[in-house]
């Protein structure tokens, strides 16, 4: 999992937690971890600063993500679908890769993450604005 994917997954967990109306502490108690772990995961880190090791493990395990989803009364899929995860990362969590390409630019289909699609949109908007300035 890339650092960008980890941050995206963390934002998705945070959004689901807030929609469920839980604090980090309540979620931590529900899944049996200390609240700094929830904070670290939501920031896309492998573990809280106080627990850092020389070689950190994967950002969040499938079991941990399953526990979070159950505590938030949702599914892993609903959390993962909010995050910009690659097909490899989705498979790592036991999820199906996203379906066919969702972004069409100039009549061609591209399989882009939401972040990549936003960058393409910004680029195209810039090109159109530059053309109109002439």
N, C-alpha and C. Protein backbone atom coordinates (compact mmCIF):
# COMPACT_ATOMS: atom_id res chain seq x y z
N UNK A 1 0.85 -1.17 0.00
CA UNK A 1 0.00 0.00 0.00
C UNK A 1 0.89 1.24 0.00
N UNK A 2 0.58 2.16 -0.87
CA UNK A 2 1.37 3.39 -0.95
C UNK A 2 0.96 4.34 0.18
N UNK A 3 1.82 5.31 0.50
CA UNK A 3 1.44 6.30 1.52
C UNK A 3 0.17 7.06 1.15
N UNK A 4 -0.02 7.37 -0.13
CA UNK A 4 -1.24 8.06 -0.56
C UNK A 4 -2.47 7.20 -0.32
N UNK A 5 -2.35 5.91 -0.60
CA UNK A 5 -3.47 5.00 -0.35
C UNK A 5 -3.76 4.90 1.14
N UNK A 6 -2.71 4.85 1.95
CA UNK A 6 -2.89 4.76 3.40
C UNK A 6 -3.62 6.00 3.93
N UNK A 7 -3.23 7.18 3.43
CA UNK A 7 -3.92 8.40 3.86
C UNK A 7 -5.37 8.41 3.39
N UNK A 8 -5.60 7.95 2.16
CA UNK A 8 -6.95 7.91 1.63
C UNK A 8 -7.83 6.94 2.43
N UNK A 9 -7.30 5.78 2.77
CA UNK A 9 -8.03 4.82 3.58
C UNK A 9 -8.30 5.41 4.96
N UNK A 10 -7.33 6.11 5.52
CA UNK A 10 -7.52 6.75 6.83
C UNK A 10 -8.63 7.77 6.80
N UNK A 11 -8.67 8.58 5.72
CA UNK A 11 -9.75 9.57 5.59
C UNK A 11 -11.11 8.88 5.46
N UNK A 12 -11.13 7.74 4.77
CA UNK A 12 -12.39 7.00 4.62
C UNK A 12 -12.85 6.44 5.96
N UNK A 13 -11.92 5.94 6.76
CA UNK A 13 -12.26 5.42 8.09
C UNK A 13 -12.79 6.57 8.95
N UNK A 14 -12.12 7.71 8.90
CA UNK A 14 -12.55 8.86 9.70
C UNK A 14 -13.95 9.31 9.29
N UNK A 15 -14.22 9.37 8.00
CA UNK A 15 -15.55 9.79 7.54
C UNK A 15 -16.63 8.81 8.02
N UNK A 16 -16.35 7.52 7.92
CA UNK A 16 -17.32 6.52 8.37
C UNK A 16 -17.52 6.60 9.89
N UNK A 17 -16.44 6.85 10.62
CA UNK A 17 -16.54 6.98 12.08
C UNK A 17 -17.39 8.18 12.46
N UNK A 18 -17.16 9.30 11.79
CA UNK A 18 -17.91 10.50 12.10
C UNK A 18 -19.39 10.35 11.73
N UNK A 19 -19.67 9.67 10.62
CA UNK A 19 -21.06 9.42 10.24
C UNK A 19 -21.76 8.54 11.26
N UNK A 20 -21.01 7.62 11.86
CA UNK A 20 -21.57 6.75 12.89
C UNK A 20 -21.71 7.47 14.23
N UNK A 21 -21.12 8.66 14.33
CA UNK A 21 -21.23 9.45 15.56
C UNK A 21 -20.34 8.96 16.68
N UNK A 22 -19.24 8.30 16.33
CA UNK A 22 -18.32 7.80 17.35
C UNK A 22 -17.07 8.67 17.44
N UNK A 23 -16.56 8.80 18.64
CA UNK A 23 -15.26 9.44 18.83
C UNK A 23 -14.19 8.39 18.58
N UNK A 24 -12.95 8.85 18.46
CA UNK A 24 -11.85 7.90 18.31
C UNK A 24 -11.77 6.99 19.52
N UNK A 25 -12.01 7.55 20.70
CA UNK A 25 -11.96 6.75 21.92
C UNK A 25 -13.03 5.66 21.93
N UNK A 26 -14.25 6.00 21.56
CA UNK A 26 -15.32 5.00 21.54
C UNK A 26 -15.05 3.91 20.52
N UNK A 27 -14.53 4.29 19.36
CA UNK A 27 -14.18 3.28 18.36
C UNK A 27 -13.06 2.39 18.87
N UNK A 28 -12.06 3.00 19.50
CA UNK A 28 -10.94 2.23 20.04
C UNK A 28 -11.42 1.21 21.07
N UNK A 29 -12.30 1.63 21.96
CA UNK A 29 -12.84 0.71 22.97
C UNK A 29 -13.63 -0.41 22.30
N UNK A 30 -14.40 -0.06 21.27
CA UNK A 30 -15.22 -1.06 20.58
C UNK A 30 -14.39 -2.14 19.91
N UNK A 31 -13.20 -1.79 19.42
CA UNK A 31 -12.39 -2.81 18.73
C UNK A 31 -11.23 -3.31 19.58
N UNK A 32 -11.08 -2.76 20.79
CA UNK A 32 -10.07 -3.28 21.71
C UNK A 32 -8.65 -2.78 21.49
N UNK A 33 -8.51 -1.54 21.05
CA UNK A 33 -7.18 -0.93 20.92
C UNK A 33 -7.18 0.40 21.67
N UNK A 34 -6.01 0.99 21.81
CA UNK A 34 -5.91 2.31 22.44
C UNK A 34 -6.22 3.38 21.40
N UNK A 35 -6.75 4.51 21.84
CA UNK A 35 -7.18 5.56 20.90
C UNK A 35 -6.06 6.11 20.02
N UNK A 36 -4.78 6.14 20.47
CA UNK A 36 -3.75 6.62 19.55
C UNK A 36 -3.64 5.78 18.27
N UNK A 37 -4.03 4.51 18.34
CA UNK A 37 -3.99 3.66 17.14
C UNK A 37 -5.02 4.15 16.12
N UNK A 38 -6.20 4.50 16.58
CA UNK A 38 -7.24 5.00 15.66
C UNK A 38 -6.74 6.29 15.01
N UNK A 39 -6.18 7.16 15.81
CA UNK A 39 -5.65 8.42 15.29
C UNK A 39 -4.57 8.18 14.24
N UNK A 40 -3.66 7.27 14.51
CA UNK A 40 -2.58 6.96 13.57
C UNK A 40 -3.15 6.39 12.27
N UNK A 41 -4.08 5.44 12.38
CA UNK A 41 -4.67 4.85 11.18
C UNK A 41 -5.39 5.90 10.35
N UNK A 42 -6.10 6.81 11.01
CA UNK A 42 -6.83 7.85 10.28
C UNK A 42 -5.87 8.82 9.58
N UNK A 43 -4.64 8.92 10.07
CA UNK A 43 -3.63 9.76 9.41
C UNK A 43 -2.82 8.97 8.38
N UNK A 44 -3.13 7.68 8.24
CA UNK A 44 -2.42 6.86 7.26
C UNK A 44 -1.10 6.33 7.76
N UNK A 45 -0.93 6.26 9.07
CA UNK A 45 0.31 5.76 9.65
C UNK A 45 0.11 4.33 10.15
N UNK A 46 1.21 3.61 10.25
CA UNK A 46 1.13 2.22 10.66
C UNK A 46 0.85 2.06 12.15
N UNK A 47 1.34 2.99 12.93
CA UNK A 47 1.17 2.89 14.38
C UNK A 47 1.45 4.25 15.01
N UNK A 48 0.97 4.45 16.24
CA UNK A 48 1.22 5.72 16.91
C UNK A 48 2.71 5.99 17.08
N UNK A 49 3.08 7.25 17.13
CA UNK A 49 4.48 7.65 17.23
C UNK A 49 5.18 6.98 18.41
N UNK A 50 4.50 6.88 19.54
CA UNK A 50 5.11 6.31 20.74
C UNK A 50 5.47 4.83 20.57
N UNK A 51 4.82 4.15 19.61
CA UNK A 51 5.04 2.72 19.41
C UNK A 51 5.88 2.42 18.18
N UNK A 52 6.42 3.44 17.52
CA UNK A 52 7.14 3.25 16.26
C UNK A 52 8.31 2.29 16.43
N UNK A 53 8.45 1.42 15.46
CA UNK A 53 9.57 0.50 15.41
C UNK A 53 10.40 0.84 14.19
N UNK A 54 11.55 0.24 14.09
CA UNK A 54 12.42 0.50 12.93
C UNK A 54 11.76 0.05 11.64
N UNK A 55 11.08 -1.08 11.66
CA UNK A 55 10.41 -1.57 10.47
C UNK A 55 8.92 -1.73 10.77
N UNK A 56 8.12 -0.71 10.45
CA UNK A 56 6.70 -0.77 10.79
C UNK A 56 5.97 -1.82 9.95
N UNK A 57 4.94 -2.44 10.52
CA UNK A 57 4.14 -3.41 9.78
C UNK A 57 3.23 -2.69 8.78
N UNK A 58 2.42 -3.47 8.08
CA UNK A 58 1.47 -2.88 7.14
C UNK A 58 0.59 -1.88 7.88
N UNK A 59 0.07 -0.91 7.16
CA UNK A 59 -0.68 0.17 7.78
C UNK A 59 -1.82 -0.34 8.64
N UNK A 60 -2.65 -1.15 8.10
CA UNK A 60 -3.77 -1.70 8.86
C UNK A 60 -4.10 -3.08 8.28
N UNK A 61 -4.28 -4.04 9.14
CA UNK A 61 -4.53 -5.40 8.66
C UNK A 61 -6.00 -5.57 8.28
N UNK A 62 -6.25 -6.64 7.55
CA UNK A 62 -7.64 -6.94 7.16
C UNK A 62 -8.49 -7.17 8.40
N UNK A 63 -7.95 -7.88 9.40
CA UNK A 63 -8.71 -8.14 10.63
C UNK A 63 -9.04 -6.84 11.34
N UNK A 64 -8.08 -5.92 11.39
CA UNK A 64 -8.34 -4.64 12.04
C UNK A 64 -9.39 -3.84 11.27
N UNK A 65 -9.30 -3.86 9.95
CA UNK A 65 -10.28 -3.14 9.14
C UNK A 65 -11.66 -3.77 9.29
N UNK A 66 -11.71 -5.09 9.39
CA UNK A 66 -12.98 -5.78 9.62
C UNK A 66 -13.59 -5.36 10.95
N UNK A 67 -12.77 -5.31 12.00
CA UNK A 67 -13.25 -4.91 13.32
C UNK A 67 -13.77 -3.47 13.29
N UNK A 68 -13.06 -2.59 12.60
CA UNK A 68 -13.49 -1.19 12.48
C UNK A 68 -14.84 -1.13 11.77
N UNK A 69 -14.96 -1.85 10.65
CA UNK A 69 -16.21 -1.83 9.89
C UNK A 69 -17.37 -2.35 10.74
N UNK A 70 -17.15 -3.42 11.48
CA UNK A 70 -18.21 -3.98 12.33
C UNK A 70 -18.61 -2.99 13.41
N UNK A 71 -17.63 -2.32 14.02
CA UNK A 71 -17.93 -1.35 15.07
C UNK A 71 -18.69 -0.15 14.51
N UNK A 72 -18.45 0.17 13.24
CA UNK A 72 -19.12 1.31 12.61
C UNK A 72 -20.42 0.89 11.92
N UNK A 73 -20.76 -0.39 12.04
CA UNK A 73 -21.98 -0.94 11.44
C UNK A 73 -22.01 -0.71 9.93
N UNK A 74 -20.87 -1.03 9.30
CA UNK A 74 -20.79 -0.94 7.84
C UNK A 74 -19.91 -2.09 7.36
N UNK A 75 -19.58 -2.09 6.10
CA UNK A 75 -18.75 -3.16 5.54
C UNK A 75 -17.38 -2.61 5.16
N UNK A 76 -16.43 -3.54 5.00
CA UNK A 76 -15.10 -3.14 4.53
C UNK A 76 -15.24 -2.50 3.15
N UNK A 77 -16.12 -3.06 2.34
CA UNK A 77 -16.31 -2.53 0.99
C UNK A 77 -16.74 -1.08 1.00
N UNK A 78 -17.65 -0.73 1.92
CA UNK A 78 -18.14 0.65 1.95
C UNK A 78 -17.03 1.61 2.35
N UNK A 79 -16.13 1.18 3.22
CA UNK A 79 -15.00 2.02 3.60
C UNK A 79 -14.01 2.09 2.44
N UNK A 80 -13.68 0.94 1.87
CA UNK A 80 -12.69 0.89 0.79
C UNK A 80 -13.16 1.64 -0.45
N UNK A 81 -14.46 1.64 -0.71
CA UNK A 81 -14.97 2.33 -1.89
C UNK A 81 -14.84 3.85 -1.77
N UNK A 82 -14.71 4.35 -0.55
CA UNK A 82 -14.50 5.79 -0.34
C UNK A 82 -13.04 6.17 -0.55
N UNK A 83 -12.16 5.20 -0.47
CA UNK A 83 -10.73 5.45 -0.55
C UNK A 83 -10.22 5.21 -1.97
N UNK A 84 -9.15 5.89 -2.31
CA UNK A 84 -8.52 5.71 -3.62
C UNK A 84 -7.49 4.58 -3.48
N UNK A 85 -7.96 3.35 -3.62
CA UNK A 85 -7.10 2.18 -3.45
C UNK A 85 -6.84 1.53 -4.80
N UNK A 86 -5.62 1.07 -4.99
CA UNK A 86 -5.28 0.37 -6.23
C UNK A 86 -5.92 -1.01 -6.22
N UNK A 87 -5.95 -1.64 -7.38
CA UNK A 87 -6.51 -2.98 -7.48
C UNK A 87 -5.74 -3.95 -6.59
N UNK A 88 -4.41 -3.80 -6.52
CA UNK A 88 -3.59 -4.69 -5.69
C UNK A 88 -3.94 -4.55 -4.21
N UNK A 89 -4.15 -3.33 -3.76
CA UNK A 89 -4.50 -3.11 -2.36
C UNK A 89 -5.89 -3.64 -2.06
N UNK A 90 -6.81 -3.45 -3.00
CA UNK A 90 -8.16 -3.99 -2.79
C UNK A 90 -8.11 -5.51 -2.66
N UNK A 91 -7.31 -6.16 -3.48
CA UNK A 91 -7.17 -7.62 -3.39
C UNK A 91 -6.53 -8.01 -2.06
N UNK A 92 -5.57 -7.21 -1.59
CA UNK A 92 -4.93 -7.46 -0.30
C UNK A 92 -5.95 -7.53 0.83
N UNK A 93 -6.99 -6.70 0.74
CA UNK A 93 -8.05 -6.68 1.74
C UNK A 93 -9.18 -7.65 1.42
N UNK A 94 -8.99 -8.47 0.39
CA UNK A 94 -10.00 -9.45 0.05
C UNK A 94 -11.18 -8.88 -0.70
N UNK A 95 -10.99 -7.74 -1.35
CA UNK A 95 -12.06 -7.07 -2.07
C UNK A 95 -11.87 -7.25 -3.57
N UNK A 96 -12.94 -7.17 -4.30
CA UNK A 96 -12.86 -7.22 -5.75
C UNK A 96 -12.25 -5.92 -6.26
N UNK A 97 -11.41 -5.98 -7.27
CA UNK A 97 -10.93 -4.73 -7.88
C UNK A 97 -12.12 -3.96 -8.43
N UNK A 98 -11.95 -2.67 -8.58
CA UNK A 98 -13.03 -1.86 -9.12
C UNK A 98 -13.39 -2.34 -10.51
N UNK A 99 -14.59 -2.07 -10.90
CA UNK A 99 -15.09 -2.50 -12.20
C UNK A 99 -14.37 -1.81 -13.34
N UNK A 100 -15.01 -1.77 -14.50
CA UNK A 100 -14.38 -1.17 -15.67
C UNK A 100 -14.10 0.31 -15.45
N UNK A 101 -13.30 0.85 -16.33
CA UNK A 101 -12.86 2.24 -16.23
C UNK A 101 -14.04 3.17 -15.97
N UNK A 102 -13.82 4.12 -15.07
CA UNK A 102 -14.88 5.03 -14.69
C UNK A 102 -14.67 6.43 -15.25
N UNK A 103 -13.51 6.72 -15.80
CA UNK A 103 -13.21 8.07 -16.26
C UNK A 103 -13.02 8.06 -17.77
N UNK A 104 -13.71 8.97 -18.44
CA UNK A 104 -13.59 9.09 -19.89
C UNK A 104 -13.05 10.47 -20.20
N UNK A 105 -11.92 10.51 -20.90
CA UNK A 105 -11.29 11.76 -21.30
C UNK A 105 -11.08 11.69 -22.80
N UNK A 106 -11.64 12.66 -23.52
CA UNK A 106 -11.47 12.69 -24.96
C UNK A 106 -11.96 11.43 -25.65
N UNK A 107 -13.00 10.81 -25.10
CA UNK A 107 -13.57 9.61 -25.70
C UNK A 107 -12.84 8.32 -25.35
N UNK A 108 -11.75 8.42 -24.60
CA UNK A 108 -11.01 7.22 -24.20
C UNK A 108 -11.28 6.92 -22.73
N UNK A 109 -11.38 5.63 -22.41
CA UNK A 109 -11.65 5.21 -21.03
C UNK A 109 -10.34 5.03 -20.27
N UNK A 110 -10.34 5.49 -19.03
CA UNK A 110 -9.18 5.35 -18.16
C UNK A 110 -9.65 4.83 -16.82
N UNK A 111 -8.87 3.94 -16.21
CA UNK A 111 -9.17 3.44 -14.88
C UNK A 111 -8.33 4.25 -13.91
N UNK A 112 -8.88 5.35 -13.43
CA UNK A 112 -8.15 6.27 -12.56
C UNK A 112 -8.73 6.25 -11.16
N UNK A 113 -7.88 6.49 -10.18
CA UNK A 113 -8.39 6.71 -8.84
C UNK A 113 -9.06 8.07 -8.82
N UNK A 114 -9.80 8.35 -7.78
CA UNK A 114 -10.47 9.65 -7.67
C UNK A 114 -9.45 10.78 -7.66
N UNK A 115 -8.34 10.59 -6.98
CA UNK A 115 -7.30 11.64 -6.92
C UNK A 115 -6.72 11.89 -8.31
N UNK A 116 -6.46 10.82 -9.06
CA UNK A 116 -5.93 10.97 -10.41
C UNK A 116 -6.96 11.65 -11.32
N UNK A 117 -8.22 11.29 -11.18
CA UNK A 117 -9.27 11.91 -11.99
C UNK A 117 -9.37 13.40 -11.68
N UNK A 118 -9.21 13.77 -10.41
CA UNK A 118 -9.23 15.19 -10.03
C UNK A 118 -8.07 15.94 -10.69
N UNK A 119 -6.89 15.33 -10.71
CA UNK A 119 -5.73 15.98 -11.34
C UNK A 119 -5.95 16.15 -12.84
N UNK A 120 -6.53 15.15 -13.48
CA UNK A 120 -6.83 15.25 -14.91
C UNK A 120 -7.83 16.37 -15.16
N UNK A 121 -8.86 16.45 -14.34
CA UNK A 121 -9.86 17.50 -14.48
C UNK A 121 -9.23 18.88 -14.32
N UNK A 122 -8.37 19.04 -13.32
CA UNK A 122 -7.68 20.32 -13.12
C UNK A 122 -6.81 20.67 -14.32
N UNK A 123 -6.12 19.69 -14.87
CA UNK A 123 -5.26 19.91 -16.03
C UNK A 123 -6.08 20.36 -17.24
N UNK A 124 -7.18 19.65 -17.49
CA UNK A 124 -8.02 19.99 -18.64
C UNK A 124 -8.66 21.37 -18.45
N UNK A 125 -9.09 21.67 -17.24
CA UNK A 125 -9.66 22.99 -16.94
C UNK A 125 -8.62 24.08 -17.21
N UNK A 126 -7.38 23.82 -16.83
CA UNK A 126 -6.29 24.77 -17.08
C UNK A 126 -6.04 24.97 -18.57
N UNK A 127 -6.10 23.88 -19.33
CA UNK A 127 -5.91 24.00 -20.78
C UNK A 127 -7.03 24.83 -21.41
N UNK A 128 -8.25 24.60 -20.98
CA UNK A 128 -9.38 25.35 -21.53
C UNK A 128 -9.27 26.83 -21.17
N UNK A 129 -8.89 27.11 -19.92
CA UNK A 129 -8.73 28.49 -19.48
C UNK A 129 -7.62 29.17 -20.27
N UNK A 130 -6.52 28.48 -20.51
CA UNK A 130 -5.39 29.06 -21.26
C UNK A 130 -5.80 29.34 -22.70
N UNK A 131 -6.60 28.47 -23.26
CA UNK A 131 -7.05 28.67 -24.65
C UNK A 131 -7.97 29.89 -24.74
N UNK A 132 -8.81 30.07 -23.73
CA UNK A 132 -9.74 31.21 -23.73
C UNK A 132 -9.02 32.54 -23.52
N UNK A 133 -7.81 32.53 -22.97
CA UNK A 133 -7.06 33.76 -22.70
C UNK A 133 -6.45 34.33 -23.97
N UNK A 134 -6.29 33.53 -24.98
CA UNK A 134 -5.64 33.99 -26.21
C UNK A 134 -6.48 34.97 -26.97
